[in-house]
Amino acid sequence: MKCKSFYWLALLMCFFAISCDNTEDGSYVDPITIYEKVNGNWQLANLKMVDETAKANKIEPSEENLSTYFNYEDFKINFSVDEKNRPTSYEVTGNVPPLFAPKGYWELSSDFQQTNDRATKIYLYSDAQKTQKTDELRVMSVPGKNEEMQLQLVRSSGGTPFVSYIFKLNAIN
């Protein structure tokens, strides 16, 4: 008799627990895109040049910090988006030698962070229609709570990278 009572009591408690689960999920909102995270003004914290040939052949030094050379401490970049968080223009300011076109238009290779081993890229264009690609930047770290972002610009010859530049940026919004 005790066994049947326990069974019914357990069954009653399960039904009670299930019926009390009235979770409020809230209203639908669009997911956060990388555009929302990249949008805004960024200031250079560090610029590193990597000799990809030396690195591949384990020749030291293969890296050089360029942050304090050529006025790069003045480097700032602005990525703009429209009211729907779609990319519009970008502009580099500061009296620095250009490593890529100092102004133009941009878009991402993916709206959302990749779940595979492929990095999201920022494609740079000279025209608003985005038909004349001038360069691409690899997003090495997506901005988050710490408001830092790392971008990599790779220069290649015949498909083989020979130098890359790694920009560590801090948000100045």
N, C-alpha and C. Protein backbone atom coordinates (compact mmCIF):
# COMPACT_ATOMS: atom_id res chain seq x y z
N MET A 1 0.81 -1.19 0.00
CA MET A 1 0.00 0.00 0.00
C MET A 1 0.86 1.26 0.00
N LYS A 2 1.98 1.20 0.77
CA LYS A 2 2.86 2.35 0.83
C LYS A 2 3.46 2.63 -0.53
N CYS A 3 3.75 1.59 -1.28
CA CYS A 3 4.36 1.75 -2.59
C CYS A 3 3.40 2.46 -3.54
N LYS A 4 2.11 2.08 -3.54
CA LYS A 4 1.13 2.73 -4.41
C LYS A 4 0.93 4.18 -4.01
N SER A 5 0.92 4.47 -2.72
CA SER A 5 0.75 5.84 -2.26
C SER A 5 1.93 6.71 -2.70
N PHE A 6 3.11 6.15 -2.57
CA PHE A 6 4.31 6.88 -2.99
C PHE A 6 4.28 7.14 -4.50
N TYR A 7 3.85 6.16 -5.28
CA TYR A 7 3.76 6.30 -6.73
C TYR A 7 2.79 7.43 -7.09
N TRP A 8 1.62 7.45 -6.48
CA TRP A 8 0.63 8.48 -6.78
C TRP A 8 1.10 9.86 -6.32
N LEU A 9 1.77 9.90 -5.21
CA LEU A 9 2.30 11.16 -4.71
C LEU A 9 3.37 11.71 -5.67
N ALA A 10 4.25 10.85 -6.11
CA ALA A 10 5.30 11.26 -7.05
C ALA A 10 4.70 11.73 -8.37
N LEU A 11 3.70 11.00 -8.87
CA LEU A 11 3.03 11.38 -10.12
C LEU A 11 2.32 12.72 -9.97
N LEU A 12 1.67 12.94 -8.86
CA LEU A 12 0.98 14.20 -8.60
C LEU A 12 1.97 15.37 -8.54
N MET A 13 3.13 15.14 -7.92
CA MET A 13 4.15 16.18 -7.83
C MET A 13 4.71 16.52 -9.22
N CYS A 14 4.88 15.53 -10.06
CA CYS A 14 5.38 15.78 -11.42
C CYS A 14 4.38 16.64 -12.20
N PHE A 15 3.09 16.28 -12.15
CA PHE A 15 2.08 17.07 -12.85
C PHE A 15 2.04 18.50 -12.30
N PHE A 16 2.17 18.64 -10.99
CA PHE A 16 2.15 19.95 -10.38
C PHE A 16 3.35 20.78 -10.85
N ALA A 17 4.52 20.17 -10.87
CA ALA A 17 5.74 20.86 -11.30
C ALA A 17 5.65 21.29 -12.77
N ILE A 18 5.10 20.42 -13.60
CA ILE A 18 4.98 20.74 -15.03
C ILE A 18 3.96 21.86 -15.23
N SER A 19 2.86 21.82 -14.50
CA SER A 19 1.81 22.82 -14.70
C SER A 19 2.24 24.19 -14.17
N CYS A 20 3.20 24.25 -13.28
CA CYS A 20 3.66 25.54 -12.74
C CYS A 20 4.70 26.20 -13.63
N ASP A 21 5.22 25.50 -14.63
CA ASP A 21 6.25 26.04 -15.49
C ASP A 21 5.62 26.96 -16.53
N ASN A 22 5.50 28.22 -16.19
CA ASN A 22 4.89 29.21 -17.06
C ASN A 22 5.96 30.26 -17.38
N THR A 23 6.94 29.88 -18.19
CA THR A 23 8.07 30.75 -18.50
C THR A 23 7.66 31.82 -19.48
N GLU A 24 8.05 33.07 -19.18
CA GLU A 24 7.80 34.19 -20.08
C GLU A 24 9.05 34.40 -20.90
N ASP A 25 8.97 34.21 -22.21
CA ASP A 25 10.12 34.34 -23.09
C ASP A 25 10.32 35.75 -23.60
N GLY A 26 9.41 36.66 -23.34
CA GLY A 26 9.55 38.03 -23.81
C GLY A 26 9.19 38.16 -25.27
N SER A 27 9.48 39.32 -25.84
CA SER A 27 9.17 39.58 -27.23
C SER A 27 10.39 39.29 -28.09
N TYR A 28 10.14 39.07 -29.36
CA TYR A 28 11.21 38.81 -30.31
C TYR A 28 12.02 40.07 -30.56
N VAL A 29 13.33 39.92 -30.58
CA VAL A 29 14.24 40.99 -30.99
C VAL A 29 15.21 40.39 -31.99
N ASP A 30 15.67 41.22 -32.91
CA ASP A 30 16.65 40.75 -33.88
C ASP A 30 17.94 40.37 -33.17
N PRO A 31 18.63 39.35 -33.66
CA PRO A 31 19.90 38.96 -33.05
C PRO A 31 20.96 40.05 -33.25
N ILE A 32 21.90 40.09 -32.34
CA ILE A 32 22.99 41.08 -32.43
C ILE A 32 23.97 40.62 -33.50
N THR A 33 24.27 41.53 -34.41
CA THR A 33 25.21 41.21 -35.49
C THR A 33 26.59 41.77 -35.17
N ILE A 34 27.57 41.33 -35.91
CA ILE A 34 28.92 41.86 -35.76
C ILE A 34 28.94 43.33 -36.18
N TYR A 35 28.05 43.71 -37.10
CA TYR A 35 27.98 45.12 -37.51
C TYR A 35 27.75 46.04 -36.31
N GLU A 36 26.89 45.62 -35.40
CA GLU A 36 26.60 46.42 -34.22
C GLU A 36 27.83 46.55 -33.32
N LYS A 37 28.66 45.51 -33.31
CA LYS A 37 29.84 45.52 -32.46
C LYS A 37 31.00 46.29 -33.08
N VAL A 38 31.11 46.27 -34.41
CA VAL A 38 32.21 46.95 -35.12
C VAL A 38 31.89 48.43 -35.32
N ASN A 39 30.63 48.77 -35.42
CA ASN A 39 30.19 50.15 -35.64
C ASN A 39 30.83 51.10 -34.63
N GLY A 40 31.31 52.23 -35.12
CA GLY A 40 31.81 53.27 -34.21
C GLY A 40 33.24 53.66 -34.46
N ASN A 41 33.78 54.37 -33.48
CA ASN A 41 35.13 54.90 -33.56
C ASN A 41 36.10 54.03 -32.78
N TRP A 42 37.26 53.78 -33.39
CA TRP A 42 38.28 52.91 -32.81
C TRP A 42 39.63 53.62 -32.85
N GLN A 43 40.39 53.47 -31.78
CA GLN A 43 41.72 54.06 -31.69
C GLN A 43 42.74 52.94 -31.57
N LEU A 44 43.87 53.14 -32.23
CA LEU A 44 44.93 52.13 -32.22
C LEU A 44 45.55 52.01 -30.84
N ALA A 45 45.62 50.80 -30.33
CA ALA A 45 46.32 50.51 -29.09
C ALA A 45 47.70 49.93 -29.41
N ASN A 46 47.76 49.16 -30.51
CA ASN A 46 49.01 48.51 -30.88
C ASN A 46 48.95 48.13 -32.36
N LEU A 47 50.07 48.29 -33.06
CA LEU A 47 50.19 47.85 -34.44
C LEU A 47 51.45 47.02 -34.56
N LYS A 48 51.28 45.78 -34.96
CA LYS A 48 52.40 44.86 -35.08
C LYS A 48 52.54 44.43 -36.53
N MET A 49 53.76 44.49 -37.04
CA MET A 49 54.06 43.98 -38.38
C MET A 49 54.70 42.61 -38.21
N VAL A 50 54.18 41.63 -38.95
CA VAL A 50 54.69 40.27 -38.88
C VAL A 50 55.30 39.90 -40.22
N ASP A 51 56.57 39.54 -40.21
CA ASP A 51 57.25 39.05 -41.41
C ASP A 51 56.85 37.58 -41.55
N GLU A 52 55.88 37.32 -42.41
CA GLU A 52 55.33 35.96 -42.54
C GLU A 52 56.36 34.96 -43.08
N THR A 53 57.27 35.42 -43.93
CA THR A 53 58.32 34.54 -44.46
C THR A 53 59.27 34.14 -43.35
N ALA A 54 59.72 35.11 -42.55
CA ALA A 54 60.61 34.82 -41.43
C ALA A 54 59.92 33.91 -40.41
N LYS A 55 58.66 34.19 -40.15
CA LYS A 55 57.90 33.39 -39.19
C LYS A 55 57.79 31.94 -39.67
N ALA A 56 57.49 31.76 -40.95
CA ALA A 56 57.36 30.40 -41.51
C ALA A 56 58.68 29.64 -41.46
N ASN A 57 59.80 30.37 -41.57
CA ASN A 57 61.13 29.75 -41.55
C ASN A 57 61.79 29.81 -40.18
N LYS A 58 61.02 30.21 -39.16
CA LYS A 58 61.49 30.29 -37.78
C LYS A 58 62.74 31.15 -37.64
N ILE A 59 62.73 32.30 -38.33
CA ILE A 59 63.81 33.26 -38.24
C ILE A 59 63.36 34.39 -37.31
N GLU A 60 64.19 34.70 -36.33
CA GLU A 60 63.85 35.77 -35.38
C GLU A 60 64.69 36.99 -35.67
N PRO A 61 64.21 38.18 -35.47
CA PRO A 61 62.83 38.47 -35.08
C PRO A 61 61.91 38.42 -36.29
N SER A 62 60.71 37.99 -36.08
CA SER A 62 59.72 37.92 -37.16
C SER A 62 58.62 38.96 -36.97
N GLU A 63 58.65 39.67 -35.84
CA GLU A 63 57.62 40.67 -35.55
C GLU A 63 58.27 41.99 -35.14
N GLU A 64 57.59 43.07 -35.47
CA GLU A 64 58.06 44.41 -35.10
C GLU A 64 56.86 45.24 -34.68
N ASN A 65 56.96 45.90 -33.53
CA ASN A 65 55.90 46.78 -33.06
C ASN A 65 56.05 48.12 -33.77
N LEU A 66 55.04 48.51 -34.55
CA LEU A 66 55.07 49.77 -35.29
C LEU A 66 54.27 50.89 -34.62
N SER A 67 53.70 50.61 -33.47
CA SER A 67 52.78 51.55 -32.82
C SER A 67 53.33 52.95 -32.64
N THR A 68 54.60 53.06 -32.32
CA THR A 68 55.17 54.37 -32.03
C THR A 68 55.91 54.97 -33.21
N TYR A 69 55.96 54.27 -34.32
CA TYR A 69 56.61 54.79 -35.52
C TYR A 69 55.60 55.45 -36.44
N PHE A 70 56.05 56.42 -37.22
CA PHE A 70 55.26 57.01 -38.30
C PHE A 70 53.93 57.60 -37.85
N ASN A 71 53.83 58.08 -36.61
CA ASN A 71 52.61 58.70 -36.06
C ASN A 71 51.45 57.72 -35.89
N TYR A 72 51.69 56.42 -35.86
CA TYR A 72 50.59 55.47 -35.74
C TYR A 72 49.83 55.60 -34.42
N GLU A 73 50.43 56.26 -33.42
CA GLU A 73 49.68 56.47 -32.18
C GLU A 73 48.47 57.37 -32.43
N ASP A 74 48.46 58.10 -33.56
CA ASP A 74 47.32 58.95 -33.93
C ASP A 74 46.27 58.23 -34.77
N PHE A 75 46.51 56.97 -35.10
CA PHE A 75 45.61 56.21 -35.99
C PHE A 75 44.25 56.02 -35.32
N LYS A 76 43.20 56.40 -36.04
CA LYS A 76 41.82 56.15 -35.62
C LYS A 76 41.06 55.69 -36.86
N ILE A 77 40.06 54.84 -36.64
CA ILE A 77 39.22 54.40 -37.75
C ILE A 77 37.77 54.42 -37.29
N ASN A 78 36.90 54.84 -38.18
CA ASN A 78 35.47 54.86 -37.91
C ASN A 78 34.77 53.95 -38.92
N PHE A 79 33.99 53.00 -38.41
CA PHE A 79 33.13 52.15 -39.23
C PHE A 79 31.70 52.62 -38.99
N SER A 80 31.02 53.07 -40.05
CA SER A 80 29.66 53.59 -39.91
C SER A 80 28.64 52.59 -40.42
N VAL A 81 27.47 52.61 -39.80
CA VAL A 81 26.33 51.81 -40.24
C VAL A 81 25.11 52.72 -40.33
N ASP A 82 24.09 52.25 -41.07
CA ASP A 82 22.85 53.03 -41.16
C ASP A 82 21.92 52.66 -40.02
N GLU A 83 20.68 53.17 -40.05
CA GLU A 83 19.72 52.93 -38.97
C GLU A 83 19.30 51.47 -38.85
N LYS A 84 19.56 50.66 -39.88
CA LYS A 84 19.23 49.23 -39.82
C LYS A 84 20.47 48.38 -39.52
N ASN A 85 21.54 49.02 -39.05
CA ASN A 85 22.81 48.38 -38.75
C ASN A 85 23.43 47.70 -39.96
N ARG A 86 23.27 48.30 -41.12
CA ARG A 86 23.92 47.83 -42.35
C ARG A 86 25.10 48.74 -42.60
N PRO A 87 26.22 48.21 -43.10
CA PRO A 87 27.44 49.00 -43.24
C PRO A 87 27.31 50.09 -44.30
N THR A 88 27.96 51.20 -44.03
CA THR A 88 28.00 52.29 -45.00
C THR A 88 29.47 52.60 -45.31
N SER A 89 30.04 53.56 -44.65
CA SER A 89 31.41 53.99 -44.99
C SER A 89 32.36 53.74 -43.82
N TYR A 90 33.65 53.86 -44.14
CA TYR A 90 34.69 53.84 -43.12
C TYR A 90 35.67 54.96 -43.43
N GLU A 91 36.41 55.40 -42.41
CA GLU A 91 37.42 56.42 -42.64
C GLU A 91 38.52 56.31 -41.60
N VAL A 92 39.77 56.36 -42.06
CA VAL A 92 40.94 56.38 -41.20
C VAL A 92 41.33 57.84 -41.03
N THR A 93 41.60 58.24 -39.78
CA THR A 93 42.09 59.59 -39.51
C THR A 93 43.42 59.49 -38.78
N GLY A 94 44.13 60.59 -38.76
CA GLY A 94 45.46 60.64 -38.17
C GLY A 94 46.48 60.77 -39.30
N ASN A 95 47.57 61.41 -39.02
CA ASN A 95 48.61 61.63 -40.02
C ASN A 95 49.52 60.41 -40.08
N VAL A 96 49.02 59.32 -40.68
CA VAL A 96 49.75 58.06 -40.73
C VAL A 96 49.89 57.57 -42.17
N PRO A 97 50.99 56.87 -42.47
CA PRO A 97 51.10 56.27 -43.81
C PRO A 97 49.99 55.24 -44.00
N PRO A 98 49.28 55.28 -45.12
CA PRO A 98 48.17 54.34 -45.31
C PRO A 98 48.67 52.92 -45.62
N LEU A 99 48.13 51.96 -44.88
CA LEU A 99 48.39 50.55 -45.17
C LEU A 99 47.26 49.99 -46.04
N PHE A 100 46.13 50.67 -46.06
CA PHE A 100 45.00 50.37 -46.94
C PHE A 100 44.31 51.70 -47.22
N ALA A 101 43.38 51.70 -48.16
CA ALA A 101 42.71 52.96 -48.55
C ALA A 101 42.15 53.66 -47.31
N PRO A 102 42.45 54.94 -47.12
CA PRO A 102 42.05 55.63 -45.89
C PRO A 102 40.55 55.91 -45.76
N LYS A 103 39.80 55.78 -46.84
CA LYS A 103 38.35 55.91 -46.72
C LYS A 103 37.68 55.17 -47.86
N GLY A 104 36.43 54.82 -47.61
CA GLY A 104 35.66 54.07 -48.58
C GLY A 104 34.44 53.45 -47.93
N TYR A 105 34.09 52.28 -48.40
CA TYR A 105 32.88 51.59 -47.94
C TYR A 105 33.28 50.20 -47.48
N TRP A 106 32.42 49.60 -46.67
CA TRP A 106 32.79 48.30 -46.09
C TRP A 106 31.59 47.40 -45.93
N GLU A 107 31.85 46.11 -45.80
CA GLU A 107 30.85 45.11 -45.42
C GLU A 107 31.58 43.90 -44.86
N LEU A 108 30.85 43.08 -44.13
CA LEU A 108 31.42 41.87 -43.54
C LEU A 108 31.15 40.66 -44.41
N SER A 109 32.01 39.65 -44.29
CA SER A 109 31.78 38.40 -45.01
C SER A 109 30.62 37.62 -44.39
N SER A 110 30.29 37.92 -43.13
CA SER A 110 29.17 37.27 -42.44
C SER A 110 28.62 38.22 -41.39
N ASP A 111 27.30 38.27 -41.27
CA ASP A 111 26.67 39.14 -40.26
C ASP A 111 26.94 38.66 -38.84
N PHE A 112 27.20 37.36 -38.70
CA PHE A 112 27.33 36.76 -37.37
C PHE A 112 28.68 36.06 -37.24
N GLN A 113 29.12 35.89 -36.00
CA GLN A 113 30.38 35.22 -35.74
C GLN A 113 30.32 33.79 -36.26
N GLN A 114 31.40 33.37 -36.90
CA GLN A 114 31.48 32.04 -37.50
C GLN A 114 31.61 30.96 -36.43
N THR A 115 31.02 29.80 -36.69
CA THR A 115 31.15 28.67 -35.78
C THR A 115 32.15 27.66 -36.30
N ASN A 116 32.69 27.92 -37.49
CA ASN A 116 33.73 27.05 -38.03
C ASN A 116 35.08 27.74 -37.83
N ASP A 117 36.11 27.26 -38.46
CA ASP A 117 37.44 27.84 -38.27
C ASP A 117 37.74 29.01 -39.19
N ARG A 118 36.75 29.50 -39.91
CA ARG A 118 36.94 30.63 -40.81
C ARG A 118 36.70 31.95 -40.09
N ALA A 119 37.61 32.89 -40.32
CA ALA A 119 37.48 34.20 -39.70
C ALA A 119 36.52 35.06 -40.51
N THR A 120 35.81 35.92 -39.83
CA THR A 120 34.99 36.91 -40.50
C THR A 120 35.93 37.95 -41.09
N LYS A 121 35.61 38.42 -42.28
CA LYS A 121 36.45 39.42 -42.94
C LYS A 121 35.66 40.70 -43.16
N ILE A 122 36.39 41.81 -43.09
CA ILE A 122 35.83 43.10 -43.44
C ILE A 122 36.34 43.41 -44.83
N TYR A 123 35.42 43.50 -45.79
CA TYR A 123 35.79 43.84 -47.16
C TYR A 123 35.72 45.36 -47.31
N LEU A 124 36.77 45.93 -47.87
CA LEU A 124 36.84 47.38 -48.09
C LEU A 124 36.65 47.66 -49.57
N TYR A 125 35.85 48.68 -49.87
CA TYR A 125 35.51 49.03 -51.25
C TYR A 125 35.76 50.52 -51.49
N SER A 126 35.99 50.85 -52.75
CA SER A 126 36.17 52.25 -53.12
C SER A 126 34.86 52.91 -53.54
N ASP A 127 33.83 52.10 -53.82
CA ASP A 127 32.56 52.65 -54.30
C ASP A 127 31.39 52.21 -53.42
N ALA A 128 30.37 53.04 -53.36
CA ALA A 128 29.19 52.79 -52.52
C ALA A 128 28.43 51.55 -52.95
N GLN A 129 28.52 51.16 -54.23
CA GLN A 129 27.83 49.96 -54.72
C GLN A 129 28.56 48.68 -54.32
N LYS A 130 29.77 48.84 -53.79
CA LYS A 130 30.60 47.74 -53.31
C LYS A 130 30.93 46.75 -54.42
N THR A 131 31.39 47.30 -55.54
CA THR A 131 31.81 46.47 -56.66
C THR A 131 33.33 46.50 -56.86
N GLN A 132 34.00 47.52 -56.30
CA GLN A 132 35.46 47.69 -56.46
C GLN A 132 36.16 47.44 -55.12
N LYS A 133 36.45 46.16 -54.84
CA LYS A 133 37.10 45.81 -53.58
C LYS A 133 38.55 46.27 -53.60
N THR A 134 38.96 46.96 -52.54
CA THR A 134 40.33 47.45 -52.46
C THR A 134 41.18 46.62 -51.50
N ASP A 135 40.57 46.05 -50.47
CA ASP A 135 41.32 45.26 -49.49
C ASP A 135 40.36 44.46 -48.64
N GLU A 136 40.95 43.64 -47.78
CA GLU A 136 40.14 42.94 -46.79
C GLU A 136 40.93 42.83 -45.50
N LEU A 137 40.21 42.95 -44.41
CA LEU A 137 40.78 42.84 -43.07
C LEU A 137 40.17 41.62 -42.41
N ARG A 138 40.98 40.81 -41.78
CA ARG A 138 40.50 39.64 -41.06
C ARG A 138 40.20 40.05 -39.62
N VAL A 139 39.01 39.75 -39.14
CA VAL A 139 38.63 40.06 -37.76
C VAL A 139 39.17 38.94 -36.88
N MET A 140 40.23 39.25 -36.14
CA MET A 140 40.88 38.24 -35.29
C MET A 140 40.18 38.12 -33.94
N SER A 141 39.63 39.21 -33.45
CA SER A 141 38.84 39.16 -32.23
C SER A 141 37.68 40.14 -32.35
N VAL A 142 36.49 39.64 -32.09
CA VAL A 142 35.26 40.42 -32.21
C VAL A 142 35.09 41.25 -30.95
N PRO A 143 34.73 42.51 -31.09
CA PRO A 143 34.52 43.34 -29.91
C PRO A 143 33.42 42.76 -29.02
N GLY A 144 33.63 42.85 -27.75
CA GLY A 144 32.65 42.39 -26.78
C GLY A 144 32.60 43.37 -25.63
N LYS A 145 32.45 42.83 -24.45
CA LYS A 145 32.34 43.66 -23.24
C LYS A 145 33.59 44.51 -23.04
N ASN A 146 34.76 43.99 -23.41
CA ASN A 146 36.01 44.73 -23.20
C ASN A 146 36.25 45.83 -24.24
N GLU A 147 35.40 45.92 -25.24
CA GLU A 147 35.46 46.95 -26.29
C GLU A 147 36.83 47.01 -26.96
N GLU A 148 37.39 45.83 -27.27
CA GLU A 148 38.63 45.71 -28.01
C GLU A 148 38.36 44.89 -29.27
N MET A 149 39.13 45.19 -30.30
CA MET A 149 39.00 44.45 -31.55
C MET A 149 40.39 44.31 -32.14
N GLN A 150 40.63 43.15 -32.78
CA GLN A 150 41.89 42.96 -33.49
C GLN A 150 41.57 42.65 -34.94
N LEU A 151 42.27 43.36 -35.82
CA LEU A 151 42.13 43.16 -37.26
C LEU A 151 43.49 42.82 -37.84
N GLN A 152 43.49 42.00 -38.88
CA GLN A 152 44.73 41.63 -39.55
C GLN A 152 44.62 41.95 -41.04
N LEU A 153 45.63 42.64 -41.55
CA LEU A 153 45.77 42.94 -42.96
C LEU A 153 46.93 42.11 -43.47
N VAL A 154 46.68 41.27 -44.48
CA VAL A 154 47.73 40.38 -45.01
C VAL A 154 48.08 40.81 -46.42
N ARG A 155 49.38 40.91 -46.68
CA ARG A 155 49.89 41.19 -48.02
C ARG A 155 50.50 39.90 -48.57
N SER A 156 50.11 39.56 -49.81
CA SER A 156 50.55 38.32 -50.44
C SER A 156 51.14 38.58 -51.81
N SER A 157 51.94 37.65 -52.25
CA SER A 157 52.46 37.66 -53.60
C SER A 157 52.31 36.26 -54.16
N GLY A 158 51.59 36.14 -55.26
CA GLY A 158 51.36 34.82 -55.84
C GLY A 158 50.61 33.89 -54.90
N GLY A 159 49.76 34.45 -54.05
CA GLY A 159 48.97 33.64 -53.11
C GLY A 159 49.70 33.29 -51.83
N THR A 160 50.97 33.69 -51.70
CA THR A 160 51.75 33.40 -50.49
C THR A 160 51.91 34.67 -49.66
N PRO A 161 51.43 34.64 -48.41
CA PRO A 161 51.58 35.82 -47.54
C PRO A 161 53.05 36.09 -47.23
N PHE A 162 53.46 37.38 -47.31
CA PHE A 162 54.83 37.72 -46.95
C PHE A 162 54.91 38.71 -45.78
N VAL A 163 53.86 39.48 -45.56
CA VAL A 163 53.82 40.38 -44.41
C VAL A 163 52.36 40.57 -43.98
N SER A 164 52.16 40.72 -42.68
CA SER A 164 50.82 41.04 -42.18
C SER A 164 50.94 42.11 -41.11
N TYR A 165 49.87 42.83 -40.94
CA TYR A 165 49.78 43.89 -39.95
C TYR A 165 48.63 43.56 -39.03
N ILE A 166 48.88 43.56 -37.74
CA ILE A 166 47.84 43.26 -36.76
C ILE A 166 47.54 44.53 -35.98
N PHE A 167 46.31 45.00 -36.13
CA PHE A 167 45.83 46.21 -35.48
C PHE A 167 45.05 45.81 -34.23
N LYS A 168 45.49 46.26 -33.08
CA LYS A 168 44.71 46.09 -31.84
C LYS A 168 44.06 47.44 -31.59
N LEU A 169 42.73 47.44 -31.55
CA LEU A 169 41.97 48.70 -31.46
C LEU A 169 41.11 48.72 -30.21
N ASN A 170 40.93 49.92 -29.65
CA ASN A 170 40.03 50.14 -28.52
C ASN A 170 38.91 51.07 -28.95
N ALA A 171 37.70 50.78 -28.50
CA ALA A 171 36.54 51.62 -28.82
C ALA A 171 36.69 52.97 -28.15
N ILE A 172 36.32 54.04 -28.87
CA ILE A 172 36.32 55.38 -28.30
C ILE A 172 34.96 56.04 -28.50
N ASN A 173 33.91 55.23 -28.49
CA ASN A 173 32.54 55.75 -28.70
C ASN A 173 32.12 56.65 -27.58
